[in-house]
ModelCIF file with pLDDT and N, C-alpha, C, O atoms, coordinates in Angstrom:
data_MODEL
#
_entry.id   MODEL 
#
_entity.id                         1 
_entity.type                       polymer 
_entity.pdbx_number_of_molecules   1 
#
_entity_poly.entity_id                      1 
_entity_poly.type                           'polypeptide(L)' 
_entity_poly.nstd_linkage                   no 
_entity_poly.nstd_monomer                   no 
_entity_poly.pdbx_seq_one_letter_code       IAVLTERKRHRLRVFAIPADGGALTDLAPAGLPVLDGQR 
_entity_poly.pdbx_seq_one_letter_code_can   IAVLTERKRHRLRVFAIPADGGALTDLAPAGLPVLDGQR 
_entity_poly.pdbx_strand_id                 A 
#
loop_
_entity_poly_seq.entity_id 
_entity_poly_seq.num 
_entity_poly_seq.mon_id 
_entity_poly_seq.hetero 
1 1  ILE n 
1 2  ALA n 
1 3  VAL n 
1 4  LEU n 
1 5  THR n 
1 6  GLU n 
1 7  ARG n 
1 8  LYS n 
1 9  ARG n 
1 10 HIS n 
1 11 ARG n 
1 12 LEU n 
1 13 ARG n 
1 14 VAL n 
1 15 PHE n 
1 16 ALA n 
1 17 ILE n 
1 18 PRO n 
1 19 ALA n 
1 20 ASP n 
1 21 GLY n 
1 22 GLY n 
1 23 ALA n 
1 24 LEU n 
1 25 THR n 
1 26 ASP n 
1 27 LEU n 
1 28 ALA n 
1 29 PRO n 
1 30 ALA n 
1 31 GLY n 
1 32 LEU n 
1 33 PRO n 
1 34 VAL n 
1 35 LEU n 
1 36 ASP n 
1 37 GLY n 
1 38 GLN n 
1 39 ARG n 
#
_struct_asym.id          A 
_struct_asym.entity_id   1 
#
loop_
_ma_qa_metric.id 
_ma_qa_metric.mode 
_ma_qa_metric.name 
_ma_qa_metric.software_group_id 
_ma_qa_metric.type 
1 global pLDDT . pLDDT 
2 local  pLDDT . pLDDT 
#
_ma_qa_metric_global.metric_id      1 
_ma_qa_metric_global.metric_value   97.44 
_ma_qa_metric_global.model_id       1 
_ma_qa_metric_global.ordinal_id     1 
#
loop_
_ma_qa_metric_local.label_asym_id 
_ma_qa_metric_local.label_comp_id 
_ma_qa_metric_local.label_seq_id 
_ma_qa_metric_local.metric_id 
_ma_qa_metric_local.metric_value 
_ma_qa_metric_local.model_id 
_ma_qa_metric_local.ordinal_id 
A ILE 1  2 98.00 1 1  
A ALA 2  2 98.00 1 2  
A VAL 3  2 98.00 1 3  
A LEU 4  2 98.00 1 4  
A THR 5  2 98.00 1 5  
A GLU 6  2 98.00 1 6  
A ARG 7  2 98.00 1 7  
A LYS 8  2 98.00 1 8  
A ARG 9  2 98.00 1 9  
A HIS 10 2 98.00 1 10 
A ARG 11 2 98.00 1 11 
A LEU 12 2 98.00 1 12 
A ARG 13 2 98.00 1 13 
A VAL 14 2 98.00 1 14 
A PHE 15 2 98.00 1 15 
A ALA 16 2 98.00 1 16 
A ILE 17 2 98.00 1 17 
A PRO 18 2 97.00 1 18 
A ALA 19 2 95.00 1 19 
A ASP 20 2 95.00 1 20 
A GLY 21 2 96.00 1 21 
A GLY 22 2 96.00 1 22 
A ALA 23 2 98.00 1 23 
A LEU 24 2 98.00 1 24 
A THR 25 2 97.00 1 25 
A ASP 26 2 97.00 1 26 
A LEU 27 2 97.00 1 27 
A ALA 28 2 96.00 1 28 
A PRO 29 2 96.00 1 29 
A ALA 30 2 97.00 1 30 
A GLY 31 2 98.00 1 31 
A LEU 32 2 98.00 1 32 
A PRO 33 2 98.00 1 33 
A VAL 34 2 98.00 1 34 
A LEU 35 2 98.00 1 35 
A ASP 36 2 97.00 1 36 
A GLY 37 2 97.00 1 37 
A GLN 38 2 98.00 1 38 
A ARG 39 2 97.00 1 39 
#
loop_
_atom_site.group_PDB 
_atom_site.id 
_atom_site.type_symbol 
_atom_site.label_atom_id 
_atom_site.label_alt_id 
_atom_site.label_comp_id 
_atom_site.label_asym_id 
_atom_site.label_entity_id 
_atom_site.label_seq_id 
_atom_site.pdbx_PDB_ins_code 
_atom_site.Cartn_x 
_atom_site.Cartn_y 
_atom_site.Cartn_z 
_atom_site.occupancy 
_atom_site.B_iso_or_equiv 
_atom_site.pdbx_formal_charge 
_atom_site.auth_seq_id 
_atom_site.auth_comp_id 
_atom_site.auth_asym_id 
_atom_site.auth_atom_id 
_atom_site.pdbx_PDB_model_num 
ATOM 1   N N  . ILE A 1 1  ? -5.740  16.032 9.138  1.00 98.00 ? 1  ILE A N  1 
ATOM 2   C CA . ILE A 1 1  ? -6.551  15.616 10.287 1.00 98.00 ? 1  ILE A CA 1 
ATOM 3   C C  . ILE A 1 1  ? -5.819  15.778 11.596 1.00 98.00 ? 1  ILE A C  1 
ATOM 4   O O  . ILE A 1 1  ? -4.598  15.648 11.682 1.00 98.00 ? 1  ILE A O  1 
ATOM 5   N N  . ALA A 1 2  ? -6.616  16.071 12.621 1.00 98.00 ? 2  ALA A N  1 
ATOM 6   C CA . ALA A 1 2  ? -6.143  16.061 14.019 1.00 98.00 ? 2  ALA A CA 1 
ATOM 7   C C  . ALA A 1 2  ? -6.832  14.889 14.694 1.00 98.00 ? 2  ALA A C  1 
ATOM 8   O O  . ALA A 1 2  ? -8.053  14.752 14.625 1.00 98.00 ? 2  ALA A O  1 
ATOM 9   N N  . VAL A 1 3  ? -6.039  14.037 15.351 1.00 98.00 ? 3  VAL A N  1 
ATOM 10  C CA . VAL A 1 3  ? -6.588  12.849 16.006 1.00 98.00 ? 3  VAL A CA 1 
ATOM 11  C C  . VAL A 1 3  ? -6.223  12.904 17.484 1.00 98.00 ? 3  VAL A C  1 
ATOM 12  O O  . VAL A 1 3  ? -5.061  13.119 17.829 1.00 98.00 ? 3  VAL A O  1 
ATOM 13  N N  . LEU A 1 4  ? -7.193  12.713 18.344 1.00 98.00 ? 4  LEU A N  1 
ATOM 14  C CA . LEU A 1 4  ? -6.920  12.743 19.776 1.00 98.00 ? 4  LEU A CA 1 
ATOM 15  C C  . LEU A 1 4  ? -7.558  11.558 20.486 1.00 98.00 ? 4  LEU A C  1 
ATOM 16  O O  . LEU A 1 4  ? -8.508  10.944 20.001 1.00 98.00 ? 4  LEU A O  1 
ATOM 17  N N  . THR A 1 5  ? -6.998  11.263 21.651 1.00 98.00 ? 5  THR A N  1 
ATOM 18  C CA . THR A 1 5  ? -7.551  10.188 22.485 1.00 98.00 ? 5  THR A CA 1 
ATOM 19  C C  . THR A 1 5  ? -8.616  10.758 23.411 1.00 98.00 ? 5  THR A C  1 
ATOM 20  O O  . THR A 1 5  ? -8.401  11.786 24.052 1.00 98.00 ? 5  THR A O  1 
ATOM 21  N N  . GLU A 1 6  ? -9.750  10.099 23.479 1.00 98.00 ? 6  GLU A N  1 
ATOM 22  C CA . GLU A 1 6  ? -10.777 10.465 24.456 1.00 98.00 ? 6  GLU A CA 1 
ATOM 23  C C  . GLU A 1 6  ? -10.837 9.306  25.456 1.00 98.00 ? 6  GLU A C  1 
ATOM 24  O O  . GLU A 1 6  ? -11.516 8.297  25.270 1.00 98.00 ? 6  GLU A O  1 
ATOM 25  N N  . ARG A 1 7  ? -10.077 9.530  26.524 1.00 98.00 ? 7  ARG A N  1 
ATOM 26  C CA . ARG A 1 7  ? -9.704  8.419  27.389 1.00 98.00 ? 7  ARG A CA 1 
ATOM 27  C C  . ARG A 1 7  ? -10.910 7.704  28.067 1.00 98.00 ? 7  ARG A C  1 
ATOM 28  O O  . ARG A 1 7  ? -10.985 6.475  28.080 1.00 98.00 ? 7  ARG A O  1 
ATOM 29  N N  . LYS A 1 8  ? -11.819 8.482  28.611 1.00 98.00 ? 8  LYS A N  1 
ATOM 30  C CA . LYS A 1 8  ? -12.917 7.881  29.362 1.00 98.00 ? 8  LYS A CA 1 
ATOM 31  C C  . LYS A 1 8  ? -14.028 7.339  28.471 1.00 98.00 ? 8  LYS A C  1 
ATOM 32  O O  . LYS A 1 8  ? -14.962 6.706  28.963 1.00 98.00 ? 8  LYS A O  1 
ATOM 33  N N  . ARG A 1 9  ? -13.937 7.577  27.182 1.00 98.00 ? 9  ARG A N  1 
ATOM 34  C CA . ARG A 1 9  ? -14.898 6.978  26.239 1.00 98.00 ? 9  ARG A CA 1 
ATOM 35  C C  . ARG A 1 9  ? -14.243 5.879  25.407 1.00 98.00 ? 9  ARG A C  1 
ATOM 36  O O  . ARG A 1 9  ? -14.871 5.314  24.511 1.00 98.00 ? 9  ARG A O  1 
ATOM 37  N N  . HIS A 1 10 ? -12.983 5.579  25.706 1.00 98.00 ? 10 HIS A N  1 
ATOM 38  C CA . HIS A 1 10 ? -12.261 4.445  25.102 1.00 98.00 ? 10 HIS A CA 1 
ATOM 39  C C  . HIS A 1 10 ? -12.234 4.543  23.561 1.00 98.00 ? 10 HIS A C  1 
ATOM 40  O O  . HIS A 1 10 ? -12.480 3.565  22.855 1.00 98.00 ? 10 HIS A O  1 
ATOM 41  N N  . ARG A 1 11 ? -11.926 5.762  23.066 1.00 98.00 ? 11 ARG A N  1 
ATOM 42  C CA . ARG A 1 11 ? -12.031 5.931  21.613 1.00 98.00 ? 11 ARG A CA 1 
ATOM 43  C C  . ARG A 1 11 ? -11.099 7.064  21.160 1.00 98.00 ? 11 ARG A C  1 
ATOM 44  O O  . ARG A 1 11 ? -10.576 7.836  21.963 1.00 98.00 ? 11 ARG A O  1 
ATOM 45  N N  . LEU A 1 12 ? -10.919 7.122  19.821 1.00 98.00 ? 12 LEU A N  1 
ATOM 46  C CA . LEU A 1 12 ? -10.256 8.248  19.185 1.00 98.00 ? 12 LEU A CA 1 
ATOM 47  C C  . LEU A 1 12 ? -11.303 9.172  18.592 1.00 98.00 ? 12 LEU A C  1 
ATOM 48  O O  . LEU A 1 12 ? -12.393 8.748  18.210 1.00 98.00 ? 12 LEU A O  1 
ATOM 49  N N  . ARG A 1 13 ? -10.936 10.471 18.525 1.00 98.00 ? 13 ARG A N  1 
ATOM 50  C CA . ARG A 1 13 ? -11.749 11.457 17.827 1.00 98.00 ? 13 ARG A CA 1 
ATOM 51  C C  . ARG A 1 13 ? -10.914 12.011 16.689 1.00 98.00 ? 13 ARG A C  1 
ATOM 52  O O  . ARG A 1 13 ? -9.711  12.221 16.843 1.00 98.00 ? 13 ARG A O  1 
ATOM 53  N N  . VAL A 1 14 ? -11.538 12.248 15.554 1.00 98.00 ? 14 VAL A N  1 
ATOM 54  C CA . VAL A 1 14 ? -10.845 12.686 14.360 1.00 98.00 ? 14 VAL A CA 1 
ATOM 55  C C  . VAL A 1 14 ? -11.506 13.937 13.807 1.00 98.00 ? 14 VAL A C  1 
ATOM 56  O O  . VAL A 1 14 ? -12.714 13.961 13.575 1.00 98.00 ? 14 VAL A O  1 
ATOM 57  N N  . PHE A 1 15 ? -10.700 14.986 13.596 1.00 98.00 ? 15 PHE A N  1 
ATOM 58  C CA . PHE A 1 15 ? -11.219 16.258 13.082 1.00 98.00 ? 15 PHE A CA 1 
ATOM 59  C C  . PHE A 1 15 ? -10.458 16.683 11.840 1.00 98.00 ? 15 PHE A C  1 
ATOM 60  O O  . PHE A 1 15 ? -9.234  16.566 11.771 1.00 98.00 ? 15 PHE A O  1 
ATOM 61  N N  . ALA A 1 16 ? -11.200 17.177 10.861 1.00 98.00 ? 16 ALA A N  1 
ATOM 62  C CA . ALA A 1 16 ? -10.579 17.689 9.632  1.00 98.00 ? 16 ALA A CA 1 
ATOM 63  C C  . ALA A 1 16 ? -10.155 19.122 9.845  1.00 98.00 ? 16 ALA A C  1 
ATOM 64  O O  . ALA A 1 16 ? -10.883 19.911 10.446 1.00 98.00 ? 16 ALA A O  1 
ATOM 65  N N  . ILE A 1 17 ? -8.970  19.464 9.349  1.00 98.00 ? 17 ILE A N  1 
ATOM 66  C CA . ILE A 1 17 ? -8.435  20.820 9.388  1.00 98.00 ? 17 ILE A CA 1 
ATOM 67  C C  . ILE A 1 17 ? -8.547  21.383 7.946  1.00 98.00 ? 17 ILE A C  1 
ATOM 68  O O  . ILE A 1 17 ? -7.852  20.896 7.055  1.00 98.00 ? 17 ILE A O  1 
ATOM 69  N N  . PRO A 1 18 ? -9.390  22.377 7.706  1.00 97.00 ? 18 PRO A N  1 
ATOM 70  C CA . PRO A 1 18 ? -9.523  22.865 6.337  1.00 97.00 ? 18 PRO A CA 1 
ATOM 71  C C  . PRO A 1 18 ? -8.242  23.544 5.867  1.00 97.00 ? 18 PRO A C  1 
ATOM 72  O O  . PRO A 1 18 ? -7.457  24.056 6.665  1.00 97.00 ? 18 PRO A O  1 
ATOM 73  N N  . ALA A 1 19 ? -8.056  23.532 4.563  1.00 95.00 ? 19 ALA A N  1 
ATOM 74  C CA . ALA A 1 19 ? -6.811  24.080 4.009  1.00 95.00 ? 19 ALA A CA 1 
ATOM 75  C C  . ALA A 1 19 ? -6.641  25.554 4.262  1.00 95.00 ? 19 ALA A C  1 
ATOM 76  O O  . ALA A 1 19 ? -5.518  26.057 4.218  1.00 95.00 ? 19 ALA A O  1 
ATOM 77  N N  . ASP A 1 20 ? -7.744  26.281 4.530  1.00 95.00 ? 20 ASP A N  1 
ATOM 78  C CA . ASP A 1 20 ? -7.615  27.705 4.798  1.00 95.00 ? 20 ASP A CA 1 
ATOM 79  C C  . ASP A 1 20 ? -7.376  28.009 6.272  1.00 95.00 ? 20 ASP A C  1 
ATOM 80  O O  . ASP A 1 20 ? -7.301  29.171 6.671  1.00 95.00 ? 20 ASP A O  1 
ATOM 81  N N  . GLY A 1 21 ? -7.258  26.949 7.079  1.00 96.00 ? 21 GLY A N  1 
ATOM 82  C CA . GLY A 1 21 ? -7.015  27.157 8.514  1.00 96.00 ? 21 GLY A CA 1 
ATOM 83  C C  . GLY A 1 21 ? -8.233  27.579 9.282  1.00 96.00 ? 21 GLY A C  1 
ATOM 84  O O  . GLY A 1 21 ? -8.116  28.144 10.370 1.00 96.00 ? 21 GLY A O  1 
ATOM 85  N N  . GLY A 1 22 ? -9.424  27.312 8.732  1.00 96.00 ? 22 GLY A N  1 
ATOM 86  C CA . GLY A 1 22 ? -10.681 27.651 9.381  1.00 96.00 ? 22 GLY A CA 1 
ATOM 87  C C  . GLY A 1 22 ? -11.059 26.652 10.443 1.00 96.00 ? 22 GLY A C  1 
ATOM 88  O O  . GLY A 1 22 ? -10.213 25.908 10.940 1.00 96.00 ? 22 GLY A O  1 
ATOM 89  N N  . ALA A 1 23 ? -12.336 26.633 10.794 1.00 98.00 ? 23 ALA A N  1 
ATOM 90  C CA . ALA A 1 23 ? -12.803 25.784 11.904 1.00 98.00 ? 23 ALA A CA 1 
ATOM 91  C C  . ALA A 1 23 ? -12.675 24.309 11.583 1.00 98.00 ? 23 ALA A C  1 
ATOM 92  O O  . ALA A 1 23 ? -12.991 23.877 10.474 1.00 98.00 ? 23 ALA A O  1 
ATOM 93  N N  . LEU A 1 24 ? -12.214 23.540 12.548 1.00 98.00 ? 24 LEU A N  1 
ATOM 94  C CA . LEU A 1 24 ? -12.114 22.096 12.412 1.00 98.00 ? 24 LEU A CA 1 
ATOM 95  C C  . LEU A 1 24 ? -13.521 21.498 12.423 1.00 98.00 ? 24 LEU A C  1 
ATOM 96  O O  . LEU A 1 24 ? -14.430 22.016 13.071 1.00 98.00 ? 24 LEU A O  1 
ATOM 97  N N  . THR A 1 25 ? -13.678 20.379 11.677 1.00 97.00 ? 25 THR A N  1 
ATOM 98  C CA . THR A 1 25 ? -14.954 19.670 11.625 1.00 97.00 ? 25 THR A CA 1 
ATOM 99  C C  . THR A 1 25 ? -14.769 18.213 12.028 1.00 97.00 ? 25 THR A C  1 
ATOM 100 O O  . THR A 1 25 ? -13.724 17.608 11.789 1.00 97.00 ? 25 THR A O  1 
ATOM 101 N N  . ASP A 1 26 ? -15.807 17.671 12.640 1.00 97.00 ? 26 ASP A N  1 
ATOM 102 C CA . ASP A 1 26 ? -15.751 16.307 13.173 1.00 97.00 ? 26 ASP A CA 1 
ATOM 103 C C  . ASP A 1 26 ? -15.988 15.276 12.061 1.00 97.00 ? 26 ASP A C  1 
ATOM 104 O O  . ASP A 1 26 ? -17.040 15.283 11.421 1.00 97.00 ? 26 ASP A O  1 
ATOM 105 N N  . LEU A 1 27 ? -15.030 14.409 11.840 1.00 97.00 ? 27 LEU A N  1 
ATOM 106 C CA . LEU A 1 27 ? -15.161 13.386 10.807 1.00 97.00 ? 27 LEU A CA 1 
ATOM 107 C C  . LEU A 1 27 ? -15.773 12.090 11.316 1.00 97.00 ? 27 LEU A C  1 
ATOM 108 O O  . LEU A 1 27 ? -16.170 11.244 10.515 1.00 97.00 ? 27 LEU A O  1 
ATOM 109 N N  . ALA A 1 28 ? -15.859 11.917 12.630 1.00 96.00 ? 28 ALA A N  1 
ATOM 110 C CA . ALA A 1 28 ? -16.402 10.703 13.220 1.00 96.00 ? 28 ALA A CA 1 
ATOM 111 C C  . ALA A 1 28 ? -17.046 11.053 14.560 1.00 96.00 ? 28 ALA A C  1 
ATOM 112 O O  . ALA A 1 28 ? -16.469 10.796 15.616 1.00 96.00 ? 28 ALA A O  1 
ATOM 113 N N  . PRO A 1 29 ? -18.267 11.652 14.513 1.00 96.00 ? 29 PRO A N  1 
ATOM 114 C CA . PRO A 1 29 ? -18.881 12.110 15.772 1.00 96.00 ? 29 PRO A CA 1 
ATOM 115 C C  . PRO A 1 29 ? -19.091 11.032 16.811 1.00 96.00 ? 29 PRO A C  1 
ATOM 116 O O  . PRO A 1 29 ? -19.121 11.328 18.006 1.00 96.00 ? 29 PRO A O  1 
ATOM 117 N N  . ALA A 1 30 ? -19.240 9.771  16.381 1.00 97.00 ? 30 ALA A N  1 
ATOM 118 C CA . ALA A 1 30 ? -19.418 8.685  17.331 1.00 97.00 ? 30 ALA A CA 1 
ATOM 119 C C  . ALA A 1 30 ? -18.073 8.188  17.880 1.00 97.00 ? 30 ALA A C  1 
ATOM 120 O O  . ALA A 1 30 ? -18.043 7.353  18.785 1.00 97.00 ? 30 ALA A O  1 
ATOM 121 N N  . GLY A 1 31 ? -16.975 8.695  17.337 1.00 98.00 ? 31 GLY A N  1 
ATOM 122 C CA . GLY A 1 31 ? -15.656 8.229  17.751 1.00 98.00 ? 31 GLY A CA 1 
ATOM 123 C C  . GLY A 1 31 ? -15.310 6.880  17.161 1.00 98.00 ? 31 GLY A C  1 
ATOM 124 O O  . GLY A 1 31 ? -16.149 6.180  16.595 1.00 98.00 ? 31 GLY A O  1 
ATOM 125 N N  . LEU A 1 32 ? -14.020 6.536  17.319 1.00 98.00 ? 32 LEU A N  1 
ATOM 126 C CA . LEU A 1 32 ? -13.525 5.257  16.819 1.00 98.00 ? 32 LEU A CA 1 
ATOM 127 C C  . LEU A 1 32 ? -12.991 4.440  17.982 1.00 98.00 ? 32 LEU A C  1 
ATOM 128 O O  . LEU A 1 32 ? -11.923 4.770  18.498 1.00 98.00 ? 32 LEU A O  1 
ATOM 129 N N  . PRO A 1 33 ? -13.682 3.380  18.427 1.00 98.00 ? 33 PRO A N  1 
ATOM 130 C CA . PRO A 1 33 ? -13.279 2.610  19.605 1.00 98.00 ? 33 PRO A CA 1 
ATOM 131 C C  . PRO A 1 33 ? -11.920 1.959  19.424 1.00 98.00 ? 33 PRO A C  1 
ATOM 132 O O  . PRO A 1 33 ? -11.569 1.514  18.332 1.00 98.00 ? 33 PRO A O  1 
ATOM 133 N N  . VAL A 1 34 ? -11.160 1.910  20.513 1.00 98.00 ? 34 VAL A N  1 
ATOM 134 C CA . VAL A 1 34 ? -9.825  1.286  20.516 1.00 98.00 ? 34 VAL A CA 1 
ATOM 135 C C  . VAL A 1 34 ? -9.691  0.435  21.762 1.00 98.00 ? 34 VAL A C  1 
ATOM 136 O O  . VAL A 1 34 ? -10.521 0.502  22.669 1.00 98.00 ? 34 VAL A O  1 
ATOM 137 N N  . LEU A 1 35 ? -8.637  -0.366 21.799 1.00 98.00 ? 35 LEU A N  1 
ATOM 138 C CA . LEU A 1 35 ? -8.258  -1.177 22.946 1.00 98.00 ? 35 LEU A CA 1 
ATOM 139 C C  . LEU A 1 35 ? -9.339  -2.200 23.308 1.00 98.00 ? 35 LEU A C  1 
ATOM 140 O O  . LEU A 1 35 ? -9.641  -2.423 24.481 1.00 98.00 ? 35 LEU A O  1 
ATOM 141 N N  . ASP A 1 36 ? -9.899  -2.799 22.293 1.00 97.00 ? 36 ASP A N  1 
ATOM 142 C CA . ASP A 1 36 ? -10.990 -3.775 22.454 1.00 97.00 ? 36 ASP A CA 1 
ATOM 143 C C  . ASP A 1 36 ? -10.599 -4.912 23.381 1.00 97.00 ? 36 ASP A C  1 
ATOM 144 O O  . ASP A 1 36 ? -9.503  -5.463 23.281 1.00 97.00 ? 36 ASP A O  1 
ATOM 145 N N  . GLY A 1 37 ? -11.506 -5.257 24.281 1.00 97.00 ? 37 GLY A N  1 
ATOM 146 C CA . GLY A 1 37 ? -11.301 -6.404 25.183 1.00 97.00 ? 37 GLY A CA 1 
ATOM 147 C C  . GLY A 1 37 ? -10.547 -6.085 26.442 1.00 97.00 ? 37 GLY A C  1 
ATOM 148 O O  . GLY A 1 37 ? -10.401 -6.956 27.299 1.00 97.00 ? 37 GLY A O  1 
ATOM 149 N N  . GLN A 1 38 ? -10.059 -4.866 26.592 1.00 98.00 ? 38 GLN A N  1 
ATOM 150 C CA . GLN A 1 38 ? -9.308  -4.506 27.795 1.00 98.00 ? 38 GLN A CA 1 
ATOM 151 C C  . GLN A 1 38 ? -10.232 -3.974 28.882 1.00 98.00 ? 38 GLN A C  1 
ATOM 152 O O  . GLN A 1 38 ? -11.353 -3.551 28.599 1.00 98.00 ? 38 GLN A O  1 
ATOM 153 N N  . ARG A 1 39 ? -9.769  -3.996 30.100 1.00 97.00 ? 39 ARG A N  1 
ATOM 154 C CA . ARG A 1 39 ? -10.562 -3.541 31.235 1.00 97.00 ? 39 ARG A CA 1 
ATOM 155 C C  . ARG A 1 39 ? -9.787  -2.514 32.052 1.00 97.00 ? 39 ARG A C  1 
ATOM 156 O O  . ARG A 1 39 ? -10.295 -2.012 33.054 1.00 97.00 ? 39 ARG A O  1 
#
């Protein structure tokens, strides 16, 4: 997996990397929220 921060949406994005090195696919299209309660 490749995981990146999407700063202005306050979340992580996670993409699967296929074993053959082909196109990455989105494992969590809605993103994974982080830093709950912060402003």
